[in-house]
Protein backbone atom coordinates (compact mmCIF):
# COMPACT_ATOMS: atom_id res chain seq x y z
CA UNK A 1 0.00 0.00 0.00
CA UNK A 2 1.24 3.53 -0.81
CA UNK A 3 1.01 4.49 2.87
CA UNK A 4 3.99 2.23 3.56
CA UNK A 5 6.19 4.67 1.63
CA UNK A 6 5.66 7.34 4.28
CA UNK A 7 5.08 5.62 7.65
CA UNK A 8 5.13 2.35 9.51
CA UNK A 9 1.37 1.97 9.78
CA UNK A 10 1.07 -0.87 12.29
CA UNK A 11 1.43 -0.28 16.03
CA UNK A 12 0.26 -2.50 18.87
CA UNK A 13 -0.55 0.21 21.40
CA UNK A 14 -0.82 3.95 21.87
CA UNK A 15 2.47 3.88 23.77
CA UNK A 16 4.28 2.28 20.82
CA UNK A 17 2.56 4.72 18.44
CA UNK A 18 3.62 7.69 20.59
CA UNK A 19 7.24 6.52 20.73
CA UNK A 20 7.84 5.21 17.21
CA UNK A 21 5.53 7.06 14.81
CA UNK A 22 7.40 9.11 12.24
CA UNK A 23 6.50 10.49 8.82
CA UNK A 24 9.12 10.04 6.10
CA UNK A 25 8.93 13.12 3.89
CA UNK A 26 10.45 12.54 0.42
CA UNK A 27 12.55 15.21 -1.23
CA UNK A 28 10.41 17.44 -3.44
CA UNK A 29 7.16 15.72 -2.46
CA UNK A 30 4.16 16.56 -4.62
CA UNK A 31 0.83 15.05 -3.58
CA UNK A 32 -0.64 15.09 -7.09
CA UNK A 33 2.20 13.12 -8.68
CA UNK A 34 3.45 11.08 -5.71
CA UNK A 35 0.05 9.98 -4.43
CA UNK A 36 -2.75 10.45 -6.96
CA UNK A 37 -0.83 9.60 -10.12
CA UNK A 38 1.19 6.91 -8.32
CA UNK A 39 -2.00 5.09 -7.36
CA UNK A 40 -3.51 5.69 -10.80
CA UNK A 41 -0.47 4.22 -12.55
CA UNK A 42 -0.50 1.10 -10.39
CA UNK A 43 -4.25 0.53 -9.89
CA UNK A 44 -6.16 2.84 -12.26
CA UNK A 45 -9.54 1.24 -11.43
CA UNK A 46 -9.17 1.80 -7.68
CA UNK A 47 -12.13 3.82 -6.39
CA UNK A 48 -11.18 7.39 -5.45
CA UNK A 49 -14.36 9.48 -5.21
CA UNK A 50 -18.05 8.65 -4.87
CA UNK A 51 -20.36 11.65 -5.29
CA UNK A 52 -24.08 12.16 -4.95
CA UNK A 53 -26.31 15.17 -4.45
CA UNK A 54 -29.65 15.82 -2.81
CA UNK A 55 -31.40 15.65 -6.20
CA UNK A 56 -30.52 11.99 -6.79
CA UNK A 57 -27.55 12.43 -9.16
CA UNK A 58 -24.55 10.13 -8.69
CA UNK A 59 -21.00 9.82 -10.02
CA UNK A 60 -18.02 7.58 -9.37
CA UNK A 61 -14.41 8.41 -10.18
CA UNK A 62 -11.42 6.09 -10.07
CA UNK A 63 -7.86 7.23 -9.50
CA UNK A 64 -7.39 6.80 -13.23
CA UNK A 65 -10.23 9.28 -13.75
CA UNK A 66 -8.77 11.76 -11.25
CA UNK A 67 -5.40 11.61 -13.01
CA UNK A 68 -7.05 12.15 -16.41
CA UNK A 69 -9.26 15.09 -15.41
CA UNK A 70 -6.58 16.77 -13.30
CA UNK A 71 -4.18 16.53 -16.26
CA UNK A 72 -6.77 18.19 -18.49
CA UNK A 73 -7.46 20.89 -15.91
CA UNK A 74 -3.71 21.51 -15.53
CA UNK A 75 -3.36 21.93 -19.31
CA UNK A 76 -6.27 24.36 -19.25
CA UNK A 77 -4.84 26.41 -16.39
CA UNK A 78 -1.41 26.52 -17.99
CA UNK A 79 -2.93 27.71 -21.29
CA UNK A 80 -4.16 30.78 -19.42
CA UNK A 81 -0.70 31.51 -18.06
CA UNK A 82 -1.23 30.03 -14.59
CA UNK A 83 2.22 29.00 -13.38
CA UNK A 84 4.08 27.90 -10.28
CA UNK A 85 3.28 30.13 -7.29
CA UNK A 86 0.16 31.73 -8.80
CA UNK A 87 -2.77 31.92 -6.35
CA UNK A 88 -6.05 30.48 -7.66
CA UNK A 89 -9.27 30.57 -5.62
CA UNK A 90 -11.76 27.69 -5.84
CA UNK A 91 -15.38 28.39 -4.84
CA UNK A 92 -16.81 25.01 -5.73
CA UNK A 93 -18.90 23.90 -2.72
CA UNK A 94 -19.08 20.09 -2.84
CA UNK A 95 -18.87 19.71 -6.62
CA UNK A 96 -16.53 16.96 -7.82
CA UNK A 97 -14.76 19.44 -10.11
CA UNK A 98 -13.07 20.76 -6.95
CA UNK A 99 -10.90 17.63 -6.86
CA UNK A 100 -9.95 17.98 -10.54
CA UNK A 101 -8.94 21.62 -10.06
CA UNK A 102 -7.21 21.13 -6.72
CA UNK A 103 -4.99 18.32 -8.01
CA UNK A 104 -4.34 20.20 -11.26
CA UNK A 105 -3.08 23.27 -9.42
CA UNK A 106 -0.76 21.08 -7.37
CA UNK A 107 0.67 19.59 -10.59
CA UNK A 108 1.49 23.06 -11.86
CA UNK A 109 2.78 24.21 -8.48
CA UNK A 110 0.14 26.95 -8.25
CA UNK A 111 -1.32 27.87 -4.86
CA UNK A 112 -4.81 26.55 -4.20
CA UNK A 113 -7.09 28.81 -2.14
CA UNK A 114 -10.32 27.01 -1.21
CA UNK A 115 -13.15 29.38 -0.33
CA UNK A 116 -16.80 29.26 0.64
CA UNK A 117 -19.70 30.23 -1.63
CA UNK A 118 -21.01 32.43 1.21
CA UNK A 119 -18.44 35.15 0.53
CA UNK A 120 -19.85 38.60 -0.20
CA UNK A 121 -18.46 41.09 -2.72
CA UNK A 122 -16.48 42.75 0.08
CA UNK A 123 -15.06 39.39 1.20
CA UNK A 124 -13.93 38.52 -2.33
CA UNK A 125 -12.30 41.92 -2.90
CA UNK A 126 -10.36 41.51 0.35
CA UNK A 127 -9.18 38.01 -0.52
CA UNK A 128 -8.27 38.86 -4.12
CA UNK A 129 -6.08 41.75 -3.08
CA UNK A 130 -4.65 40.26 0.11
CA UNK A 131 -3.41 37.11 -1.65
CA UNK A 132 -2.92 38.51 -5.17
CA UNK A 133 -5.40 36.03 -6.61
CA UNK A 134 -4.95 35.55 -10.36
CA UNK A 135 -7.93 33.32 -11.17
CA UNK A 136 -11.22 32.15 -9.66
CA UNK A 137 -13.06 28.91 -10.47
CA UNK A 138 -16.61 28.97 -9.13
CA UNK A 139 -19.95 27.21 -9.05
CA UNK A 140 -22.49 28.66 -11.44
CA UNK A 141 -24.89 30.17 -8.92
CA UNK A 142 -26.38 33.66 -9.39
CA UNK A 143 -25.17 35.20 -6.12
CA UNK A 144 -21.69 33.73 -6.42
CA UNK A 145 -21.32 34.98 -9.99
CA UNK A 146 -22.74 38.39 -9.05
CA UNK A 147 -20.35 38.87 -6.14
CA UNK A 148 -17.31 37.87 -8.18
CA UNK A 149 -18.35 40.20 -11.03
CA UNK A 150 -18.89 43.07 -8.60
CA UNK A 151 -15.48 42.42 -7.01
CA UNK A 152 -13.51 42.34 -10.25
CA UNK A 153 -13.16 46.10 -10.78
CA UNK A 154 -11.45 46.46 -7.39
CA UNK A 155 -9.34 43.30 -7.74
CA UNK A 156 -6.17 44.36 -9.51
CA UNK A 157 -4.57 40.92 -9.87
CA UNK A 158 -7.65 38.95 -10.99
CA UNK A 159 -7.20 38.00 -14.66
CA UNK A 160 -9.40 34.96 -15.29
CA UNK A 161 -12.80 33.64 -14.22
CA UNK A 162 -14.19 30.18 -14.91
CA UNK A 163 -17.34 28.47 -13.71
CA UNK A 164 -19.21 25.21 -14.04
CA UNK A 165 -21.27 25.93 -17.12
CA UNK A 166 -22.11 29.16 -18.93
CA UNK A 167 -22.20 32.42 -16.98
CA UNK A 168 -22.04 35.17 -19.59
CA UNK A 169 -19.37 37.57 -20.77
CA UNK A 170 -15.98 37.32 -19.15
CA UNK A 171 -16.50 33.76 -17.94
CA UNK A 172 -14.91 30.56 -19.22
CA UNK A 173 -16.83 27.29 -19.06
CA UNK A 174 -14.57 25.11 -16.91
CA UNK A 175 -16.20 21.84 -17.95
CA UNK A 176 -15.94 22.55 -21.68
CA UNK A 177 -12.42 23.89 -21.41
CA UNK A 178 -11.04 20.81 -19.68
CA UNK A 179 -12.84 18.57 -22.19
CA UNK A 180 -10.95 20.35 -24.98
CA UNK A 181 -7.64 20.07 -23.12
CA UNK A 182 -7.15 16.35 -23.66
CA UNK A 183 -3.65 15.00 -23.18
CA UNK A 184 -1.01 14.19 -20.59
CA UNK A 185 0.62 16.63 -18.22
CA UNK A 186 4.23 15.84 -17.44
CA UNK A 187 5.76 16.57 -14.08
CA UNK A 188 7.50 19.97 -14.23
CA UNK A 189 11.28 19.94 -13.98
CA UNK A 190 13.95 22.39 -12.94
CA UNK A 191 12.74 25.72 -11.61
CA UNK A 192 9.13 24.82 -12.31
CA UNK A 193 9.24 21.71 -10.10
CA UNK A 194 7.77 22.04 -6.61
CA UNK A 195 10.00 21.91 -3.52
CA UNK A 196 8.81 20.88 -0.08
CA UNK A 197 9.08 24.43 1.20
CA UNK A 198 6.93 25.90 -1.61
CA UNK A 199 3.48 27.20 -0.75
CA UNK A 200 0.81 24.61 -1.47
CA UNK A 201 -2.42 25.78 0.16
CA UNK A 202 -3.58 29.12 1.48
CA UNK A 203 -6.58 29.26 3.81
CA UNK A 204 -8.38 32.38 4.90
CA UNK A 205 -9.52 31.70 8.44
CA UNK A 206 -12.92 33.07 9.43
CA UNK A 207 -11.83 34.37 12.80
CA UNK A 208 -14.26 35.55 15.42
CA UNK A 209 -12.48 38.92 15.49
CA UNK A 210 -10.84 41.10 12.82
CA UNK A 211 -10.19 40.34 9.18
CA UNK A 212 -9.40 36.75 8.14
CA UNK A 213 -5.81 35.59 8.46
CA UNK A 214 -4.01 33.84 5.59
CA UNK A 215 -2.71 30.48 6.77
CA UNK A 216 0.12 29.21 4.56
CA UNK A 217 0.86 25.47 4.18
CA UNK A 218 3.73 23.97 2.20
CA UNK A 219 3.96 20.94 -0.10
CA UNK A 220 4.50 18.45 2.73
CA UNK A 221 1.23 19.40 4.44
CA UNK A 222 -0.82 16.47 3.01
CA UNK A 223 1.53 13.98 4.69
CA UNK A 224 0.63 15.43 8.08
CA UNK A 225 -2.90 14.20 7.52
CA UNK A 226 -1.75 10.60 7.76
CA UNK A 227 -2.26 11.22 11.48
CA UNK A 228 -5.73 12.59 10.82
CA UNK A 229 -6.97 9.84 8.53
CA UNK A 230 -5.19 6.67 9.63
CA UNK A 231 -4.89 7.02 13.39
CA UNK A 232 -7.84 9.22 14.33
CA UNK A 233 -10.56 8.76 11.68
CA UNK A 234 -9.40 5.15 11.20
CA UNK A 235 -10.16 5.08 7.47
CA UNK A 236 -9.76 1.73 5.71
CA UNK A 237 -7.92 0.81 2.54
CA UNK A 238 -10.69 0.41 -0.07
CA UNK A 239 -13.17 1.76 2.47
CA UNK A 240 -15.52 4.70 1.91
CA UNK A 241 -15.15 7.76 4.14
CA UNK A 242 -17.39 10.80 4.58
CA UNK A 243 -16.32 13.95 6.37
CA UNK A 244 -19.10 16.51 6.54
CA UNK A 245 -17.54 19.73 5.25
CA UNK A 246 -17.76 22.17 2.39
CA UNK A 247 -14.59 22.32 0.29
CA UNK A 248 -14.15 25.94 1.33
CA UNK A 249 -13.18 24.93 4.87
CA UNK A 250 -9.93 23.46 6.14
CA UNK A 251 -11.97 20.52 7.47
CA UNK A 252 -12.21 19.36 3.83
CA UNK A 253 -8.41 19.04 3.76
CA UNK A 254 -8.69 17.01 6.96
CA UNK A 255 -11.31 14.61 5.70
CA UNK A 256 -12.04 14.77 1.98
CA UNK A 257 -8.76 14.27 0.13
CA UNK A 258 -5.20 14.06 1.47
CA UNK A 259 -4.91 11.58 4.31
CA UNK A 260 -7.78 9.48 3.00
CA UNK A 261 -6.20 8.94 -0.43
CA UNK A 262 -2.75 8.29 1.04
CA UNK A 263 -4.38 5.55 3.15
CA UNK A 264 -6.15 4.05 0.12
CA UNK A 265 -9.68 5.00 1.15
CA UNK A 266 -12.22 6.42 -1.27
CA UNK A 267 -13.75 9.78 -0.43
CA UNK A 268 -17.52 10.05 -0.30
CA UNK A 269 -19.05 13.43 -1.14
CA UNK A 270 -22.65 14.25 -0.29
CA UNK A 271 -23.53 17.48 -2.11
CA UNK A 272 -26.48 19.15 -0.40
CA UNK A 273 -27.70 22.67 0.23
CA UNK A 274 -29.69 22.06 3.41
CA UNK A 275 -28.78 19.58 6.13
CA UNK A 276 -31.68 17.19 6.78
CA UNK A 277 -30.80 14.52 9.37
CA UNK A 278 -33.02 11.86 7.77
CA UNK A 279 -31.35 12.37 4.38
CA UNK A 280 -27.87 12.15 5.90
CA UNK A 281 -28.75 8.87 7.61
CA UNK A 282 -30.14 7.43 4.39
CA UNK A 283 -26.94 8.34 2.53
CA UNK A 284 -24.72 6.80 5.22
CA UNK A 285 -26.57 3.50 5.04
CA UNK A 286 -27.35 3.40 1.30
CA UNK A 287 -23.73 3.82 0.23
CA UNK A 288 -22.39 1.60 3.03
CA UNK A 289 -19.92 4.11 4.44
CA UNK A 290 -17.16 2.56 6.54
CA UNK A 291 -16.09 5.69 8.43
CA UNK A 292 -17.75 9.02 9.17
CA UNK A 293 -16.58 12.33 10.62
CA UNK A 294 -18.77 15.31 11.48
CA UNK A 295 -19.09 18.19 13.95
CA UNK A 296 -20.98 17.49 17.20
CA UNK A 297 -23.89 19.59 15.92
CA UNK A 298 -24.55 16.96 13.21
CA UNK A 299 -24.63 14.17 15.78
CA UNK A 300 -26.91 16.28 18.01
CA UNK A 301 -29.48 16.23 15.23
CA UNK A 302 -28.91 12.58 14.28
CA UNK A 303 -29.71 11.28 17.77
CA UNK A 304 -33.11 12.99 17.57
CA UNK A 305 -34.01 10.53 14.78
CA UNK A 306 -35.09 6.91 15.17
CA UNK A 307 -31.68 5.36 14.53
CA UNK A 308 -33.04 1.86 15.00
CA UNK A 309 -34.52 2.11 11.48
CA UNK A 310 -31.07 2.31 9.87
CA UNK A 311 -28.49 -0.37 9.13
CA UNK A 312 -25.10 0.72 10.45
CA UNK A 313 -23.43 -2.66 9.97
CA UNK A 314 -20.91 -1.27 7.46
CA UNK A 315 -20.12 1.82 9.55
CA UNK A 316 -17.10 0.84 11.61
CA UNK A 317 -15.87 4.16 12.98
CA UNK A 318 -17.05 7.69 13.77
CA UNK A 319 -14.91 10.72 14.58
CA UNK A 320 -15.98 14.14 15.73
CA UNK A 321 -14.33 17.57 15.59
CA UNK A 322 -14.96 21.23 14.86
CA UNK A 323 -16.32 22.09 18.29
CA UNK A 324 -16.24 20.39 21.70
CA UNK A 325 -18.31 17.23 22.04
CA UNK A 326 -21.02 17.21 24.67
CA UNK A 327 -20.85 13.98 26.75
CA UNK A 328 -24.61 13.53 26.47
CA UNK A 329 -24.38 13.37 22.66
CA UNK A 330 -21.61 10.78 22.99
CA UNK A 331 -23.67 8.66 25.35
CA UNK A 332 -26.86 8.79 23.31
CA UNK A 333 -25.14 7.92 20.02
CA UNK A 334 -23.28 5.03 21.64
CA UNK A 335 -26.51 3.74 23.19
CA UNK A 336 -28.36 3.91 19.87
CA UNK A 337 -25.66 2.57 17.54
CA UNK A 338 -22.96 0.90 19.63
CA UNK A 339 -20.41 3.25 18.01
CA UNK A 340 -18.07 5.42 20.08
CA UNK A 341 -17.47 8.99 18.93
CA UNK A 342 -13.71 9.61 18.82
CA UNK A 343 -12.97 13.27 19.37
CA UNK A 344 -10.13 15.22 17.78
CA UNK A 345 -8.76 18.75 18.02
CA UNK A 346 -6.74 20.91 15.68
CA UNK A 347 -6.80 24.17 13.77
CA UNK A 348 -6.61 25.51 10.23
CA UNK A 349 -2.94 26.06 11.10
CA UNK A 350 -2.35 22.38 11.79
CA UNK A 351 -3.48 18.81 11.22
CA UNK A 352 -4.96 16.92 14.17
CA UNK A 353 -2.99 17.85 17.31
CA UNK A 354 -4.86 16.04 20.06
CA UNK A 355 -7.20 13.09 19.57
CA UNK A 356 -8.81 10.00 20.93
CA UNK A 357 -6.52 7.78 18.86
CA UNK A 358 -7.64 4.32 17.77
CA UNK A 359 -6.07 2.62 20.82
CA UNK A 360 -7.29 5.21 23.33
CA UNK A 361 -10.41 4.64 25.43
CA UNK A 362 -12.56 7.77 25.05
CA UNK A 363 -13.44 9.91 28.00
CA UNK A 364 -16.63 11.64 26.82
CA UNK A 365 -15.98 15.36 26.52
CA UNK A 366 -12.19 15.00 26.37
CA UNK A 367 -10.22 15.76 23.22
CA UNK A 368 -7.89 12.85 23.92
CA UNK A 369 -4.08 12.82 23.99
CA UNK A 370 -1.41 14.78 22.04
CA UNK A 371 -0.18 13.55 18.67
CA UNK A 372 3.25 11.88 18.43
CA UNK A 373 6.01 14.09 17.03
CA UNK A 374 4.02 17.12 18.18
CA UNK A 375 5.52 18.62 21.33
CA UNK A 376 2.25 19.86 22.79
CA UNK A 377 1.76 21.28 26.27
CA UNK A 378 -0.51 23.49 28.37
CA UNK A 379 1.11 26.57 29.90
CA UNK A 380 0.04 29.37 32.25
CA UNK A 381 0.22 33.12 31.57
CA UNK A 382 3.95 33.08 32.37
CA UNK A 383 4.63 30.24 29.94
CA UNK A 384 5.17 27.69 32.72
CA UNK A 385 3.80 24.16 32.18
CA UNK A 386 0.53 23.59 34.01
CA UNK A 387 0.00 20.82 36.51
CA UNK A 388 -2.84 18.31 35.97
CA UNK A 389 -6.18 20.03 36.57
CA UNK A 390 -4.71 23.52 36.07
CA UNK A 391 -6.13 25.51 33.17
CA UNK A 392 -3.82 27.13 30.65
CA UNK A 393 -3.26 27.71 26.94
CA UNK A 394 -2.45 24.90 24.51
CA UNK A 395 0.97 25.47 22.90
CA UNK A 396 3.19 23.67 20.42
CA UNK A 397 6.94 23.66 21.08
CA UNK A 398 9.02 23.90 17.90
CA UNK A 399 12.56 24.01 19.30
CA UNK A 400 13.20 20.56 17.76
CA UNK A 401 11.65 21.61 14.45
CA UNK A 402 8.22 22.21 12.99
CA UNK A 403 6.12 19.03 12.84
CA UNK A 404 4.85 17.80 9.46
CA UNK A 405 1.47 19.40 8.78
CA UNK A 406 2.02 22.60 10.76
CA UNK A 407 1.66 25.89 8.91
CA UNK A 408 4.60 28.06 7.85
CA UNK A 409 3.05 31.26 9.17
CA UNK A 410 0.50 33.88 8.22
CA UNK A 411 1.10 34.93 4.63
CA UNK A 412 2.26 38.55 4.27
CA UNK A 413 1.86 39.16 8.03
CA UNK A 414 5.10 38.56 9.87
CA UNK A 415 3.97 40.63 12.85
CA UNK A 416 0.93 38.47 13.45
CA UNK A 417 2.99 35.29 12.99
CA UNK A 418 5.50 36.47 15.60
CA UNK A 419 2.70 37.47 17.97
CA UNK A 420 1.43 33.88 18.24
CA UNK A 421 4.67 32.01 17.46
CA UNK A 422 7.79 33.17 19.26
CA UNK A 423 10.56 31.71 21.41
CA UNK A 424 9.86 28.36 19.71
CA UNK A 425 6.33 28.32 21.11
CA UNK A 426 3.17 28.53 19.04
CA UNK A 427 0.21 29.73 21.11
CA UNK A 428 -3.03 28.23 19.81
CA UNK A 429 -5.30 30.66 21.66
CA UNK A 430 -7.27 27.72 23.08
CA UNK A 431 -7.58 27.06 26.80
CA UNK A 432 -7.59 23.56 28.24
CA UNK A 433 -6.41 21.39 31.11
CA UNK A 434 -5.09 17.85 31.29
CA UNK A 435 -6.04 15.20 33.81
CA UNK A 436 -3.85 12.72 35.66
CA UNK A 437 -4.10 10.26 32.74
CA UNK A 438 -2.83 12.78 30.17
CA UNK A 439 -6.20 13.47 28.53
CA UNK A 440 -6.81 17.05 27.39
CA UNK A 441 -10.08 18.85 28.18
CA UNK A 442 -11.15 21.92 26.20
CA UNK A 443 -12.17 25.00 28.19
CA UNK A 444 -12.66 27.69 25.53
CA UNK A 445 -10.88 30.34 23.52
CA UNK A 446 -8.53 32.40 25.65
CA UNK A 447 -10.60 35.52 24.92
CA UNK A 448 -13.82 33.77 25.97
CA UNK A 449 -12.87 32.58 29.47
CA UNK A 450 -15.00 34.32 32.11
CA UNK A 451 -13.57 35.66 35.39
CA UNK A 452 -16.29 35.99 38.02
CA UNK A 453 -15.71 36.65 41.75
CA UNK A 454 -12.18 35.29 41.43
CA UNK A 455 -13.28 32.12 39.59
CA UNK A 456 -12.28 31.24 36.02
CA UNK A 457 -15.23 29.79 34.13
CA UNK A 458 -14.83 28.07 30.77
CA UNK A 459 -17.77 28.57 28.37
CA UNK A 460 -17.72 24.99 27.11
CA UNK A 461 -18.47 23.38 30.48
CA UNK A 462 -21.56 25.54 30.98
CA UNK A 463 -22.66 25.12 27.35
CA UNK A 464 -22.22 21.38 27.69
CA UNK A 465 -24.40 21.33 30.81
CA UNK A 466 -27.14 23.33 29.10
CA UNK A 467 -27.10 21.08 26.05
CA UNK A 468 -28.02 18.12 28.26
CA UNK A 469 -31.41 19.76 28.87
CA UNK A 470 -34.00 18.71 26.24
CA UNK A 471 -35.11 22.32 25.75
CA UNK A 472 -31.72 23.49 24.43
CA UNK A 473 -30.76 23.07 20.77
CA UNK A 474 -27.83 25.51 20.72
CA UNK A 475 -26.32 27.94 23.20
CA UNK A 476 -23.43 30.32 23.73
CA UNK A 477 -21.92 31.35 27.04
CA UNK A 478 -20.46 34.84 27.36
CA UNK A 479 -19.51 37.31 30.07
CA UNK A 480 -21.48 40.40 31.07
CA UNK A 481 -19.69 43.09 33.15
CA UNK A 482 -20.84 43.27 36.77
CA UNK A 483 -19.78 45.84 39.36
CA UNK A 484 -19.85 43.37 42.24
CA UNK A 485 -18.41 40.23 40.64
CA UNK A 486 -16.38 41.69 37.78
CA UNK A 487 -18.21 39.49 35.26
CA UNK A 488 -21.25 37.25 35.39
CA UNK A 489 -22.22 34.37 33.14
CA UNK A 490 -24.81 34.85 30.41
CA UNK A 491 -26.39 32.12 28.30
CA UNK A 492 -27.82 32.90 24.87
CA UNK A 493 -30.10 29.98 24.06
CA UNK A 494 -31.82 28.58 20.97
CA UNK A 495 -34.68 26.30 22.02
CA UNK A 496 -35.82 23.03 20.50
CA UNK A 497 -39.17 23.11 18.72
CA UNK A 498 -41.20 21.73 21.64
CA UNK A 499 -40.27 24.50 24.10
CA UNK A 500 -41.17 28.17 24.45
CA UNK A 501 -39.21 30.92 26.16
CA UNK A 502 -40.38 31.89 29.64
CA UNK A 503 -39.06 33.07 32.99
CA UNK A 504 -39.98 29.68 34.40
CA UNK A 505 -37.88 27.87 31.77
CA UNK A 506 -34.96 30.23 32.40
CA UNK A 507 -34.96 29.35 36.09
CA UNK A 508 -35.30 25.66 35.26
CA UNK A 509 -32.19 25.86 33.06
CA UNK A 510 -30.30 27.65 35.83
CA UNK A 511 -31.15 24.93 38.33
CA UNK A 512 -30.13 22.31 35.80
CA UNK A 513 -26.68 23.89 35.38
CA UNK A 514 -26.22 24.18 39.16
CA UNK A 515 -26.79 20.43 39.50
CA UNK A 516 -24.55 19.42 36.59
CA UNK A 517 -21.64 21.81 37.30
CA UNK A 518 -20.42 23.83 40.25
CA UNK A 519 -23.13 26.21 41.49
CA UNK A 520 -21.00 29.33 40.88
CA UNK A 521 -20.91 28.56 37.14
CA UNK A 522 -24.64 28.85 36.44
CA UNK A 523 -25.79 31.59 34.02
CA UNK A 524 -27.30 34.46 35.98
CA UNK A 525 -28.65 35.86 32.72
CA UNK A 526 -30.46 33.82 30.06
CA UNK A 527 -31.56 35.25 26.75
CA UNK A 528 -33.68 33.22 24.33
CA UNK A 529 -33.01 33.82 20.62
CA UNK A 530 -34.03 32.18 17.35
CA UNK A 531 -30.43 31.88 16.11
CA UNK A 532 -26.86 32.56 17.21
CA UNK A 533 -24.51 34.89 15.34
CA UNK A 534 -21.91 32.84 13.50
CA UNK A 535 -18.95 33.25 11.20
CA UNK A 536 -19.27 32.04 7.61
CA UNK A 537 -17.60 28.80 8.74
CA UNK A 538 -20.28 28.23 11.36
CA UNK A 539 -18.35 29.22 14.48
CA UNK A 540 -20.35 31.07 17.13
CA UNK A 541 -19.33 34.74 17.26
CA UNK A 542 -19.31 35.30 21.01
CA UNK A 543 -17.64 38.65 20.45
CA UNK A 544 -20.75 39.82 18.55
CA UNK A 545 -22.94 38.76 21.46
CA UNK A 546 -20.69 40.67 23.87
CA UNK A 547 -20.71 43.78 21.66
CA UNK A 548 -24.50 43.68 21.34
CA UNK A 549 -24.88 43.25 25.09
CA UNK A 550 -23.23 46.61 25.76
CA UNK A 551 -26.47 48.34 24.80
CA UNK A 552 -28.87 45.90 26.49
CA UNK A 553 -30.54 45.78 29.85
CA UNK A 554 -30.80 42.15 30.97
CA UNK A 555 -33.05 40.35 33.38
CA UNK A 556 -30.99 38.73 36.13
CA UNK A 557 -32.90 35.66 37.28
CA UNK A 558 -30.84 35.33 40.46
CA UNK A 559 -33.00 35.12 43.56
């Protein structure tokens, strides 16, 4: 198996894995040629991608197909003058053409910039100019086309636009153009060949504050996702894996292409516009998925369905990431399916850093244990390692070198890079603690931790307690200034469909939190809303709640 070229893939225990795991990075590694084409040349009929949409359409692509279409796309891009180092933005949702374009850009050595279809004109202008984007390939949807057209006049580097189908003047038809570009695409040599240190991917993070940062990954980045796919998601050679993510998010790199293909698994893509739990369950069982990864929110909805109606006999493994996992969701899913949810943690800047690895017994609510070859720790405000049970910030030590899969820095922003990564320490901005067994427990973003009457209160623990109550669908915990206590805890709550907001329900939720957590952590203020403010990647914008609260008068339900 190709995986054997990069790692020893068989370990008998977590301890052996932690001590002996190492990724062998070849000189001048190029994922497109050294993985995709290598598999295609040896086993061209091996299944690579299975795609379906919510309208009933289906498609299957082998590695031979991926090689063919990526070659044609590379010829097309090169005919337009796209060359090594040129930034190209892909706004392709879950369309299978994303994989053709992404691999093609890697063959040329161009920089792939995945992006979401939710970007506005202002967002696109910012990205075009910040990264010097030369070309955009997009889905053919009216709003997407409109926003790109509106952005073009203020985007000085944008030269070419292509979409899936016909979109009027100024647009190339991507599908027709790659059909015309039949032929082989030879691996570039000399100065045009990619080196390991060359930029490979550029992600704009949708931060909860400020403008998005540009996270730069080099050519070796895909190899870091061997950890993600093999030892956390537990994908199988010739298996079929689904990670729920739009291609515009870094989670797609985690679960929809790199590690999965290196491990020999086929990627399953479910292309839908609206998440309907029943439809997701039908897809999982119809296509006999072997492994599945999704955010906790997805599982929160799935356990509301009658799971006994579905055949999960082919589903061997489930992983969860993107936000902290509520223990109640873990317990309910295990009870209904017999499958444990294996939690993982990482960032756009990294591959999986901490996880419930395949040998590790999960502790519901814990992220698991640090990845091998990643010198991860939790430190206090002075940079001193924290004792078990002591909260601090998760850091990555890089004095012995940067681990495979970690970013190179923030593109064109050395000051920001040095702010979070200095003295051989990268500060993740995430607060956690570890227990006596070495498991890590997420507390919250450093900016979100609440200090009330001398206590430090992590939002996640209170949110997790609230989510155990059947009335709560979603919630966000934030701080409200208080003259007496410094800050008090506020809960902004979205209710499930069978409950209505009331003072009585607010007090019931408070009592519930007091019983589940320490009494001092209960939310003294509860506000019921129909939806929470979120970033375009779906993260709750607690800062927006805090800013809005400055002008509000709240009801304190404390007796």
